[in-house]
Amino acid sequence: MLKENLSTTQKLTLSALVMALYVVVMFFTQSFAFGQYQVRIATAIYAMAGLYPFLILPLALANLLSNLVMGGLGPLDMIGGFCVGLLTTTLIVLVKKYNLSNLLITLIITIVPGMGVPIWLSYLLHIPYGILAFSLVIGQIIPGIVGSILVTALEKRAYGATDWKESHSDAE
């Protein structure tokens, strides 16, 4: 996690900016974010919780808000998306807390939404869970990779390339 201490005002500001970024990315990518493969580039932003754990709740709320604004499938979809957002970001925070490899972020962003969202979408869309889960996991591969790259790049920038390499040599 980044070692800087942020004030409450800074945390609220960063939370609002990240939520807005999530919703804006969803808006501009909704043509393929809600399709059969649901390539939700915005879920790559979940990785930011690994650097700023206070973003767990704001990112889950951003998911709920984007489902509300962009025509999700009703309350079940909004609440489910919120819960999947909470679980995904919490697992990412744990990866960073225990200094595990950033590659796990890729797996978390790919698997948790990919396997979690079909739990209710299969019911709402009348599509078998396995088929829907397969297509959603495929769609989440790109956001998973982007999330891992995002965290790695931000860590390198925050710590400097040399310090980052030294601090991550034990995790790999």
N, C-alpha and C. Protein backbone atom coordinates (compact mmCIF):
# COMPACT_ATOMS: atom_id res chain seq x y z
N MET A 1 0.84 -1.17 0.00
CA MET A 1 0.00 0.00 0.00
C MET A 1 0.88 1.23 0.00
N LEU A 2 0.38 2.31 -0.54
CA LEU A 2 1.15 3.54 -0.54
C LEU A 2 1.33 4.01 0.90
N LYS A 3 2.49 4.54 1.19
CA LYS A 3 2.83 4.85 2.57
C LYS A 3 2.42 6.25 3.00
N GLU A 4 1.89 7.04 2.11
CA GLU A 4 1.53 8.39 2.49
C GLU A 4 0.23 8.40 3.29
N ASN A 5 0.16 9.33 4.24
CA ASN A 5 -1.05 9.48 5.04
C ASN A 5 -1.91 10.57 4.42
N LEU A 6 -3.14 10.25 4.15
CA LEU A 6 -4.06 11.21 3.55
C LEU A 6 -5.03 11.71 4.60
N SER A 7 -5.38 12.97 4.50
CA SER A 7 -6.37 13.53 5.40
C SER A 7 -7.75 13.00 5.00
N THR A 8 -8.72 13.20 5.87
CA THR A 8 -10.09 12.79 5.57
C THR A 8 -10.60 13.49 4.32
N THR A 9 -10.28 14.75 4.19
CA THR A 9 -10.71 15.51 3.00
C THR A 9 -10.08 14.93 1.74
N GLN A 10 -8.81 14.58 1.81
CA GLN A 10 -8.15 13.99 0.65
C GLN A 10 -8.75 12.63 0.31
N LYS A 11 -9.07 11.84 1.32
CA LYS A 11 -9.69 10.53 1.07
C LYS A 11 -11.06 10.68 0.43
N LEU A 12 -11.85 11.62 0.93
CA LEU A 12 -13.17 11.86 0.34
C LEU A 12 -13.06 12.35 -1.10
N THR A 13 -12.10 13.24 -1.33
CA THR A 13 -11.90 13.76 -2.69
C THR A 13 -11.45 12.66 -3.64
N LEU A 14 -10.48 11.86 -3.20
CA LEU A 14 -10.02 10.76 -4.04
C LEU A 14 -11.13 9.75 -4.27
N SER A 15 -11.92 9.48 -3.25
CA SER A 15 -13.06 8.55 -3.39
C SER A 15 -14.04 9.06 -4.45
N ALA A 16 -14.37 10.34 -4.37
CA ALA A 16 -15.30 10.92 -5.34
C ALA A 16 -14.73 10.89 -6.75
N LEU A 17 -13.46 11.19 -6.89
CA LEU A 17 -12.83 11.17 -8.22
C LEU A 17 -12.80 9.76 -8.80
N VAL A 18 -12.47 8.78 -7.97
CA VAL A 18 -12.41 7.40 -8.44
C VAL A 18 -13.80 6.90 -8.81
N MET A 19 -14.80 7.24 -8.00
CA MET A 19 -16.18 6.86 -8.32
C MET A 19 -16.60 7.48 -9.65
N ALA A 20 -16.29 8.76 -9.81
CA ALA A 20 -16.65 9.44 -11.06
C ALA A 20 -15.93 8.81 -12.25
N LEU A 21 -14.66 8.49 -12.07
CA LEU A 21 -13.89 7.85 -13.13
C LEU A 21 -14.53 6.51 -13.51
N TYR A 22 -14.91 5.72 -12.52
CA TYR A 22 -15.54 4.43 -12.76
C TYR A 22 -16.81 4.60 -13.60
N VAL A 23 -17.66 5.53 -13.19
CA VAL A 23 -18.93 5.74 -13.90
C VAL A 23 -18.68 6.27 -15.31
N VAL A 24 -17.74 7.18 -15.47
CA VAL A 24 -17.43 7.72 -16.80
C VAL A 24 -16.88 6.63 -17.72
N VAL A 25 -15.97 5.80 -17.20
CA VAL A 25 -15.44 4.69 -18.01
C VAL A 25 -16.57 3.74 -18.40
N MET A 26 -17.45 3.44 -17.45
CA MET A 26 -18.60 2.58 -17.77
C MET A 26 -19.47 3.21 -18.85
N PHE A 27 -19.68 4.51 -18.75
CA PHE A 27 -20.53 5.20 -19.73
C PHE A 27 -19.94 5.07 -21.14
N PHE A 28 -18.64 5.31 -21.26
CA PHE A 28 -18.02 5.28 -22.58
C PHE A 28 -17.74 3.88 -23.09
N THR A 29 -17.83 2.88 -22.23
CA THR A 29 -17.59 1.50 -22.67
C THR A 29 -18.84 0.63 -22.56
N GLN A 30 -19.99 1.25 -22.32
CA GLN A 30 -21.20 0.46 -22.09
C GLN A 30 -21.62 -0.37 -23.29
N SER A 31 -21.18 -0.01 -24.48
CA SER A 31 -21.56 -0.80 -25.66
C SER A 31 -21.02 -2.22 -25.59
N PHE A 32 -19.90 -2.42 -24.90
CA PHE A 32 -19.38 -3.78 -24.74
C PHE A 32 -19.27 -4.19 -23.27
N ALA A 33 -19.63 -3.30 -22.35
CA ALA A 33 -19.57 -3.63 -20.93
C ALA A 33 -20.82 -4.39 -20.47
N PHE A 34 -21.88 -4.34 -21.25
CA PHE A 34 -23.13 -5.00 -20.87
C PHE A 34 -23.49 -6.12 -21.85
N GLY A 35 -22.58 -6.51 -22.71
CA GLY A 35 -22.88 -7.52 -23.71
C GLY A 35 -22.68 -8.93 -23.20
N GLN A 36 -22.64 -9.88 -24.13
CA GLN A 36 -22.50 -11.28 -23.76
C GLN A 36 -21.20 -11.53 -22.99
N TYR A 37 -20.11 -10.88 -23.40
CA TYR A 37 -18.83 -11.09 -22.74
C TYR A 37 -18.52 -10.04 -21.69
N GLN A 38 -19.29 -8.99 -21.60
CA GLN A 38 -19.16 -7.95 -20.59
C GLN A 38 -17.71 -7.58 -20.30
N VAL A 39 -17.05 -6.98 -21.24
CA VAL A 39 -15.70 -6.49 -21.02
C VAL A 39 -15.84 -5.15 -20.28
N ARG A 40 -15.81 -5.24 -18.97
CA ARG A 40 -16.01 -4.06 -18.12
C ARG A 40 -14.65 -3.49 -17.74
N ILE A 41 -14.13 -2.65 -18.60
CA ILE A 41 -12.84 -2.02 -18.36
C ILE A 41 -12.83 -1.31 -17.01
N ALA A 42 -13.98 -0.75 -16.61
CA ALA A 42 -14.06 -0.02 -15.34
C ALA A 42 -13.68 -0.89 -14.15
N THR A 43 -13.87 -2.20 -14.23
CA THR A 43 -13.53 -3.04 -13.08
C THR A 43 -12.02 -3.11 -12.86
N ALA A 44 -11.23 -2.70 -13.84
CA ALA A 44 -9.79 -2.61 -13.63
C ALA A 44 -9.48 -1.59 -12.53
N ILE A 45 -10.36 -0.61 -12.37
CA ILE A 45 -10.16 0.43 -11.35
C ILE A 45 -10.28 -0.16 -9.95
N TYR A 46 -10.92 -1.32 -9.81
CA TYR A 46 -10.98 -2.00 -8.50
C TYR A 46 -9.58 -2.17 -7.91
N ALA A 47 -8.59 -2.32 -8.77
CA ALA A 47 -7.22 -2.53 -8.31
C ALA A 47 -6.71 -1.38 -7.45
N MET A 48 -7.28 -0.20 -7.62
CA MET A 48 -6.87 0.97 -6.84
C MET A 48 -7.07 0.75 -5.33
N ALA A 49 -8.00 -0.12 -4.97
CA ALA A 49 -8.23 -0.40 -3.55
C ALA A 49 -7.00 -1.05 -2.91
N GLY A 50 -6.18 -1.71 -3.70
CA GLY A 50 -4.96 -2.28 -3.17
C GLY A 50 -3.99 -1.22 -2.69
N LEU A 51 -4.03 -0.06 -3.31
CA LEU A 51 -3.18 1.04 -2.92
C LEU A 51 -3.85 1.94 -1.88
N TYR A 52 -5.15 2.05 -1.99
CA TYR A 52 -5.94 2.89 -1.09
C TYR A 52 -7.13 2.09 -0.58
N PRO A 53 -6.96 1.35 0.51
CA PRO A 53 -8.03 0.48 1.01
C PRO A 53 -9.35 1.19 1.32
N PHE A 54 -9.31 2.47 1.59
CA PHE A 54 -10.54 3.20 1.85
C PHE A 54 -11.45 3.28 0.63
N LEU A 55 -10.96 2.84 -0.53
CA LEU A 55 -11.76 2.84 -1.76
C LEU A 55 -12.66 1.62 -1.89
N ILE A 56 -12.62 0.70 -0.95
CA ILE A 56 -13.46 -0.50 -1.04
C ILE A 56 -14.93 -0.12 -1.20
N LEU A 57 -15.46 0.64 -0.29
CA LEU A 57 -16.87 1.02 -0.35
C LEU A 57 -17.18 1.96 -1.53
N PRO A 58 -16.37 2.99 -1.78
CA PRO A 58 -16.68 3.85 -2.94
C PRO A 58 -16.70 3.10 -4.27
N LEU A 59 -15.82 2.13 -4.45
CA LEU A 59 -15.83 1.38 -5.72
C LEU A 59 -17.06 0.49 -5.83
N ALA A 60 -17.48 -0.10 -4.72
CA ALA A 60 -18.71 -0.89 -4.75
C ALA A 60 -19.91 0.01 -5.03
N LEU A 61 -19.92 1.20 -4.44
CA LEU A 61 -21.00 2.15 -4.71
C LEU A 61 -20.97 2.63 -6.16
N ALA A 62 -19.78 2.79 -6.72
CA ALA A 62 -19.67 3.19 -8.12
C ALA A 62 -20.28 2.14 -9.04
N ASN A 63 -20.07 0.86 -8.70
CA ASN A 63 -20.68 -0.22 -9.48
C ASN A 63 -22.20 -0.13 -9.38
N LEU A 64 -22.71 0.04 -8.18
CA LEU A 64 -24.15 0.16 -7.97
C LEU A 64 -24.71 1.35 -8.77
N LEU A 65 -24.02 2.47 -8.69
CA LEU A 65 -24.46 3.68 -9.39
C LEU A 65 -24.46 3.50 -10.90
N SER A 66 -23.42 2.86 -11.42
CA SER A 66 -23.37 2.66 -12.87
C SER A 66 -24.47 1.71 -13.34
N ASN A 67 -24.79 0.69 -12.54
CA ASN A 67 -25.90 -0.20 -12.89
C ASN A 67 -27.23 0.53 -12.83
N LEU A 68 -27.36 1.46 -11.91
CA LEU A 68 -28.59 2.25 -11.79
C LEU A 68 -28.74 3.20 -12.97
N VAL A 69 -27.68 3.94 -13.28
CA VAL A 69 -27.73 4.98 -14.31
C VAL A 69 -27.78 4.40 -15.72
N MET A 70 -27.07 3.32 -15.95
CA MET A 70 -26.95 2.79 -17.31
C MET A 70 -27.85 1.60 -17.58
N GLY A 71 -28.91 1.51 -16.86
CA GLY A 71 -29.91 0.50 -17.17
C GLY A 71 -29.53 -0.91 -16.82
N GLY A 72 -29.07 -1.09 -15.60
CA GLY A 72 -28.84 -2.45 -15.14
C GLY A 72 -30.15 -3.21 -15.15
N LEU A 73 -30.16 -4.36 -14.60
CA LEU A 73 -31.35 -5.21 -14.64
C LEU A 73 -32.16 -5.14 -13.36
N GLY A 74 -32.19 -3.98 -12.73
CA GLY A 74 -33.03 -3.79 -11.56
C GLY A 74 -32.29 -3.94 -10.26
N PRO A 75 -33.05 -3.96 -9.16
CA PRO A 75 -32.45 -3.98 -7.82
C PRO A 75 -31.53 -5.17 -7.56
N LEU A 76 -31.90 -6.34 -8.04
CA LEU A 76 -31.06 -7.52 -7.81
C LEU A 76 -29.69 -7.34 -8.46
N ASP A 77 -29.66 -6.79 -9.66
CA ASP A 77 -28.40 -6.55 -10.36
C ASP A 77 -27.59 -5.46 -9.65
N MET A 78 -28.25 -4.43 -9.18
CA MET A 78 -27.54 -3.34 -8.49
C MET A 78 -26.94 -3.83 -7.17
N ILE A 79 -27.72 -4.56 -6.39
CA ILE A 79 -27.23 -5.06 -5.10
C ILE A 79 -26.15 -6.13 -5.32
N GLY A 80 -26.37 -7.00 -6.28
CA GLY A 80 -25.37 -8.02 -6.59
C GLY A 80 -24.06 -7.41 -7.03
N GLY A 81 -24.14 -6.41 -7.92
CA GLY A 81 -22.93 -5.73 -8.37
C GLY A 81 -22.20 -5.05 -7.23
N PHE A 82 -22.97 -4.46 -6.32
CA PHE A 82 -22.39 -3.83 -5.14
C PHE A 82 -21.63 -4.87 -4.30
N CYS A 83 -22.26 -6.02 -4.07
CA CYS A 83 -21.63 -7.08 -3.27
C CYS A 83 -20.39 -7.64 -3.94
N VAL A 84 -20.46 -7.85 -5.24
CA VAL A 84 -19.28 -8.35 -5.97
C VAL A 84 -18.17 -7.31 -5.93
N GLY A 85 -18.52 -6.04 -6.03
CA GLY A 85 -17.53 -4.97 -5.92
C GLY A 85 -16.85 -4.98 -4.56
N LEU A 86 -17.65 -5.14 -3.50
CA LEU A 86 -17.09 -5.22 -2.14
C LEU A 86 -16.13 -6.40 -1.99
N LEU A 87 -16.56 -7.56 -2.45
CA LEU A 87 -15.73 -8.75 -2.33
C LEU A 87 -14.44 -8.62 -3.14
N THR A 88 -14.57 -8.16 -4.36
CA THR A 88 -13.40 -8.04 -5.23
C THR A 88 -12.38 -7.07 -4.65
N THR A 89 -12.83 -5.90 -4.25
CA THR A 89 -11.89 -4.90 -3.71
C THR A 89 -11.29 -5.34 -2.38
N THR A 90 -12.08 -6.02 -1.56
CA THR A 90 -11.55 -6.51 -0.28
C THR A 90 -10.45 -7.54 -0.51
N LEU A 91 -10.66 -8.44 -1.45
CA LEU A 91 -9.62 -9.44 -1.76
C LEU A 91 -8.36 -8.78 -2.31
N ILE A 92 -8.52 -7.73 -3.09
CA ILE A 92 -7.36 -7.01 -3.63
C ILE A 92 -6.58 -6.34 -2.49
N VAL A 93 -7.30 -5.76 -1.54
CA VAL A 93 -6.64 -5.16 -0.37
C VAL A 93 -5.85 -6.22 0.40
N LEU A 94 -6.41 -7.41 0.55
CA LEU A 94 -5.70 -8.49 1.25
C LEU A 94 -4.44 -8.92 0.49
N VAL A 95 -4.52 -8.95 -0.83
CA VAL A 95 -3.33 -9.29 -1.64
C VAL A 95 -2.20 -8.31 -1.34
N LYS A 96 -2.54 -7.02 -1.30
CA LYS A 96 -1.51 -6.01 -1.05
C LYS A 96 -1.06 -6.03 0.41
N LYS A 97 -1.98 -6.27 1.33
CA LYS A 97 -1.64 -6.30 2.75
C LYS A 97 -0.60 -7.37 3.05
N TYR A 98 -0.74 -8.52 2.40
CA TYR A 98 0.17 -9.64 2.63
C TYR A 98 1.29 -9.71 1.60
N ASN A 99 1.49 -8.63 0.86
CA ASN A 99 2.58 -8.52 -0.13
C ASN A 99 2.62 -9.69 -1.10
N LEU A 100 1.46 -10.10 -1.56
CA LEU A 100 1.40 -11.16 -2.56
C LEU A 100 1.58 -10.55 -3.95
N SER A 101 1.80 -11.37 -4.92
CA SER A 101 2.07 -10.91 -6.28
C SER A 101 0.87 -10.15 -6.87
N ASN A 102 1.18 -9.09 -7.61
CA ASN A 102 0.13 -8.33 -8.30
C ASN A 102 -0.59 -9.17 -9.35
N LEU A 103 -0.02 -10.30 -9.74
CA LEU A 103 -0.70 -11.19 -10.67
C LEU A 103 -2.00 -11.74 -10.07
N LEU A 104 -2.06 -11.83 -8.76
CA LEU A 104 -3.30 -12.27 -8.10
C LEU A 104 -4.43 -11.27 -8.32
N ILE A 105 -4.07 -10.01 -8.50
CA ILE A 105 -5.09 -8.99 -8.79
C ILE A 105 -5.78 -9.33 -10.10
N THR A 106 -4.99 -9.76 -11.08
CA THR A 106 -5.56 -10.18 -12.37
C THR A 106 -6.58 -11.29 -12.16
N LEU A 107 -6.21 -12.29 -11.38
CA LEU A 107 -7.12 -13.41 -11.14
C LEU A 107 -8.37 -12.99 -10.38
N ILE A 108 -8.21 -12.13 -9.39
CA ILE A 108 -9.36 -11.68 -8.60
C ILE A 108 -10.34 -10.90 -9.46
N ILE A 109 -9.83 -9.94 -10.23
CA ILE A 109 -10.72 -9.13 -11.07
C ILE A 109 -11.36 -9.97 -12.17
N THR A 110 -10.69 -11.03 -12.58
CA THR A 110 -11.24 -11.91 -13.61
C THR A 110 -12.26 -12.89 -13.03
N ILE A 111 -11.90 -13.55 -11.96
CA ILE A 111 -12.70 -14.65 -11.43
C ILE A 111 -13.89 -14.20 -10.57
N VAL A 112 -13.68 -13.26 -9.66
CA VAL A 112 -14.75 -12.90 -8.73
C VAL A 112 -15.97 -12.33 -9.47
N PRO A 113 -15.80 -11.29 -10.29
CA PRO A 113 -16.98 -10.83 -11.05
C PRO A 113 -17.44 -11.87 -12.08
N GLY A 114 -16.47 -12.53 -12.72
CA GLY A 114 -16.83 -13.50 -13.75
C GLY A 114 -17.65 -14.67 -13.24
N MET A 115 -17.38 -15.11 -12.02
CA MET A 115 -18.12 -16.22 -11.44
C MET A 115 -19.26 -15.75 -10.53
N GLY A 116 -19.15 -14.52 -10.00
CA GLY A 116 -20.15 -14.01 -9.07
C GLY A 116 -21.37 -13.43 -9.76
N VAL A 117 -21.16 -12.59 -10.75
CA VAL A 117 -22.27 -11.92 -11.43
C VAL A 117 -23.27 -12.91 -12.05
N PRO A 118 -22.82 -14.03 -12.64
CA PRO A 118 -23.78 -14.97 -13.23
C PRO A 118 -24.72 -15.62 -12.22
N ILE A 119 -24.41 -15.52 -10.93
CA ILE A 119 -25.29 -16.12 -9.92
C ILE A 119 -26.70 -15.54 -10.06
N TRP A 120 -26.82 -14.23 -10.21
CA TRP A 120 -28.15 -13.64 -10.38
C TRP A 120 -28.49 -13.36 -11.84
N LEU A 121 -27.48 -13.10 -12.67
CA LEU A 121 -27.78 -12.84 -14.08
C LEU A 121 -28.36 -14.06 -14.77
N SER A 122 -27.90 -15.25 -14.39
CA SER A 122 -28.45 -16.47 -15.01
C SER A 122 -29.95 -16.59 -14.69
N TYR A 123 -30.33 -16.18 -13.50
CA TYR A 123 -31.74 -16.18 -13.11
C TYR A 123 -32.51 -15.11 -13.89
N LEU A 124 -31.96 -13.90 -13.93
CA LEU A 124 -32.65 -12.79 -14.60
C LEU A 124 -32.75 -12.97 -16.11
N LEU A 125 -31.71 -13.55 -16.72
CA LEU A 125 -31.67 -13.67 -18.18
C LEU A 125 -32.09 -15.05 -18.68
N HIS A 126 -32.33 -15.98 -17.76
CA HIS A 126 -32.72 -17.34 -18.11
C HIS A 126 -31.67 -18.01 -19.02
N ILE A 127 -30.40 -17.84 -18.61
CA ILE A 127 -29.27 -18.46 -19.30
C ILE A 127 -28.57 -19.35 -18.27
N PRO A 128 -28.20 -20.56 -18.64
CA PRO A 128 -27.53 -21.44 -17.68
C PRO A 128 -26.27 -20.78 -17.08
N TYR A 129 -26.09 -21.00 -15.78
CA TYR A 129 -24.97 -20.40 -15.06
C TYR A 129 -23.63 -20.67 -15.75
N GLY A 130 -23.35 -21.90 -16.10
CA GLY A 130 -22.06 -22.27 -16.68
C GLY A 130 -21.74 -21.51 -17.95
N ILE A 131 -22.71 -21.38 -18.82
CA ILE A 131 -22.49 -20.66 -20.08
C ILE A 131 -22.23 -19.19 -19.80
N LEU A 132 -23.03 -18.61 -18.93
CA LEU A 132 -22.88 -17.19 -18.61
C LEU A 132 -21.56 -16.94 -17.88
N ALA A 133 -21.21 -17.79 -16.94
CA ALA A 133 -19.95 -17.63 -16.20
C ALA A 133 -18.76 -17.72 -17.15
N PHE A 134 -18.79 -18.66 -18.07
CA PHE A 134 -17.70 -18.80 -19.03
C PHE A 134 -17.51 -17.51 -19.83
N SER A 135 -18.60 -16.96 -20.34
CA SER A 135 -18.48 -15.76 -21.16
C SER A 135 -18.07 -14.54 -20.33
N LEU A 136 -18.53 -14.46 -19.08
CA LEU A 136 -18.14 -13.32 -18.25
C LEU A 136 -16.69 -13.41 -17.81
N VAL A 137 -16.21 -14.60 -17.51
CA VAL A 137 -14.80 -14.76 -17.16
C VAL A 137 -13.92 -14.36 -18.35
N ILE A 138 -14.29 -14.79 -19.55
CA ILE A 138 -13.54 -14.39 -20.74
C ILE A 138 -13.51 -12.87 -20.86
N GLY A 139 -14.65 -12.24 -20.65
CA GLY A 139 -14.74 -10.78 -20.75
C GLY A 139 -13.95 -10.05 -19.69
N GLN A 140 -13.74 -10.67 -18.54
CA GLN A 140 -13.03 -10.01 -17.44
C GLN A 140 -11.51 -10.17 -17.53
N ILE A 141 -11.01 -10.95 -18.46
CA ILE A 141 -9.56 -11.14 -18.56
C ILE A 141 -8.85 -9.82 -18.83
N ILE A 142 -9.35 -9.04 -19.77
CA ILE A 142 -8.70 -7.76 -20.10
C ILE A 142 -8.71 -6.81 -18.90
N PRO A 143 -9.87 -6.57 -18.25
CA PRO A 143 -9.84 -5.71 -17.06
C PRO A 143 -8.92 -6.24 -15.96
N GLY A 144 -8.83 -7.54 -15.81
CA GLY A 144 -7.94 -8.12 -14.81
C GLY A 144 -6.49 -7.78 -15.07
N ILE A 145 -6.08 -7.93 -16.32
CA ILE A 145 -4.70 -7.62 -16.70
C ILE A 145 -4.44 -6.12 -16.54
N VAL A 146 -5.38 -5.30 -16.99
CA VAL A 146 -5.21 -3.84 -16.89
C VAL A 146 -5.12 -3.41 -15.43
N GLY A 147 -5.93 -4.01 -14.55
CA GLY A 147 -5.88 -3.69 -13.13
C GLY A 147 -4.53 -3.98 -12.51
N SER A 148 -3.96 -5.13 -12.84
CA SER A 148 -2.65 -5.51 -12.33
C SER A 148 -1.57 -4.56 -12.84
N ILE A 149 -1.64 -4.21 -14.11
CA ILE A 149 -0.68 -3.27 -14.69
C ILE A 149 -0.82 -1.90 -14.03
N LEU A 150 -2.06 -1.47 -13.79
CA LEU A 150 -2.32 -0.18 -13.16
C LEU A 150 -1.67 -0.10 -11.78
N VAL A 151 -1.87 -1.10 -10.96
CA VAL A 151 -1.29 -1.10 -9.62
C VAL A 151 0.24 -1.12 -9.68
N THR A 152 0.78 -1.96 -10.53
CA THR A 152 2.23 -2.05 -10.65
C THR A 152 2.82 -0.71 -11.09
N ALA A 153 2.20 -0.07 -12.07
CA ALA A 153 2.70 1.22 -12.56
C ALA A 153 2.61 2.30 -11.48
N LEU A 154 1.50 2.33 -10.77
CA LEU A 154 1.34 3.35 -9.72
C LEU A 154 2.30 3.11 -8.56
N GLU A 155 2.56 1.85 -8.23
CA GLU A 155 3.53 1.55 -7.17
C GLU A 155 4.93 1.98 -7.59
N LYS A 156 5.29 1.68 -8.81
CA LYS A 156 6.62 2.07 -9.30
C LYS A 156 6.77 3.59 -9.26
N ARG A 157 5.73 4.28 -9.65
CA ARG A 157 5.77 5.75 -9.64
C ARG A 157 5.86 6.28 -8.21
N ALA A 158 5.11 5.70 -7.30
CA ALA A 158 5.08 6.18 -5.91
C ALA A 158 6.38 5.88 -5.17
N TYR A 159 6.94 4.71 -5.39
CA TYR A 159 8.13 4.30 -4.65
C TYR A 159 9.42 4.56 -5.41
N GLY A 160 9.34 4.82 -6.68
CA GLY A 160 10.54 4.89 -7.49
C GLY A 160 10.90 3.50 -7.95
N ALA A 161 11.41 3.37 -9.13
CA ALA A 161 11.66 2.05 -9.73
C ALA A 161 12.60 1.20 -8.88
N THR A 162 13.66 1.76 -8.32
CA THR A 162 14.62 0.98 -7.55
C THR A 162 14.01 0.48 -6.24
N ASP A 163 13.37 1.39 -5.49
CA ASP A 163 12.74 0.99 -4.23
C ASP A 163 11.65 -0.04 -4.46
N TRP A 164 10.88 0.13 -5.54
CA TRP A 164 9.79 -0.80 -5.83
C TRP A 164 10.35 -2.19 -6.09
N LYS A 165 11.41 -2.26 -6.88
CA LYS A 165 12.01 -3.55 -7.22
C LYS A 165 12.50 -4.26 -5.97
N GLU A 166 13.14 -3.52 -5.05
CA GLU A 166 13.63 -4.10 -3.82
C GLU A 166 12.47 -4.58 -2.94
N SER A 167 11.42 -3.79 -2.83
CA SER A 167 10.30 -4.15 -1.95
C SER A 167 9.48 -5.31 -2.50
N HIS A 168 9.56 -5.59 -3.79
CA HIS A 168 8.77 -6.65 -4.38
C HIS A 168 9.59 -7.88 -4.73
N SER A 169 10.88 -7.88 -4.45
CA SER A 169 11.69 -9.05 -4.76
C SER A 169 11.35 -10.22 -3.87
N ASP A 170 10.88 -9.96 -2.64
CA ASP A 170 10.49 -11.03 -1.72
C ASP A 170 9.17 -11.67 -2.12
N ALA A 171 8.25 -10.90 -2.73
CA ALA A 171 6.91 -11.40 -3.06
C ALA A 171 6.93 -12.35 -4.24
N GLU A 172 8.00 -12.32 -5.02
CA GLU A 172 8.01 -13.16 -6.21
C GLU A 172 8.95 -14.30 -6.11
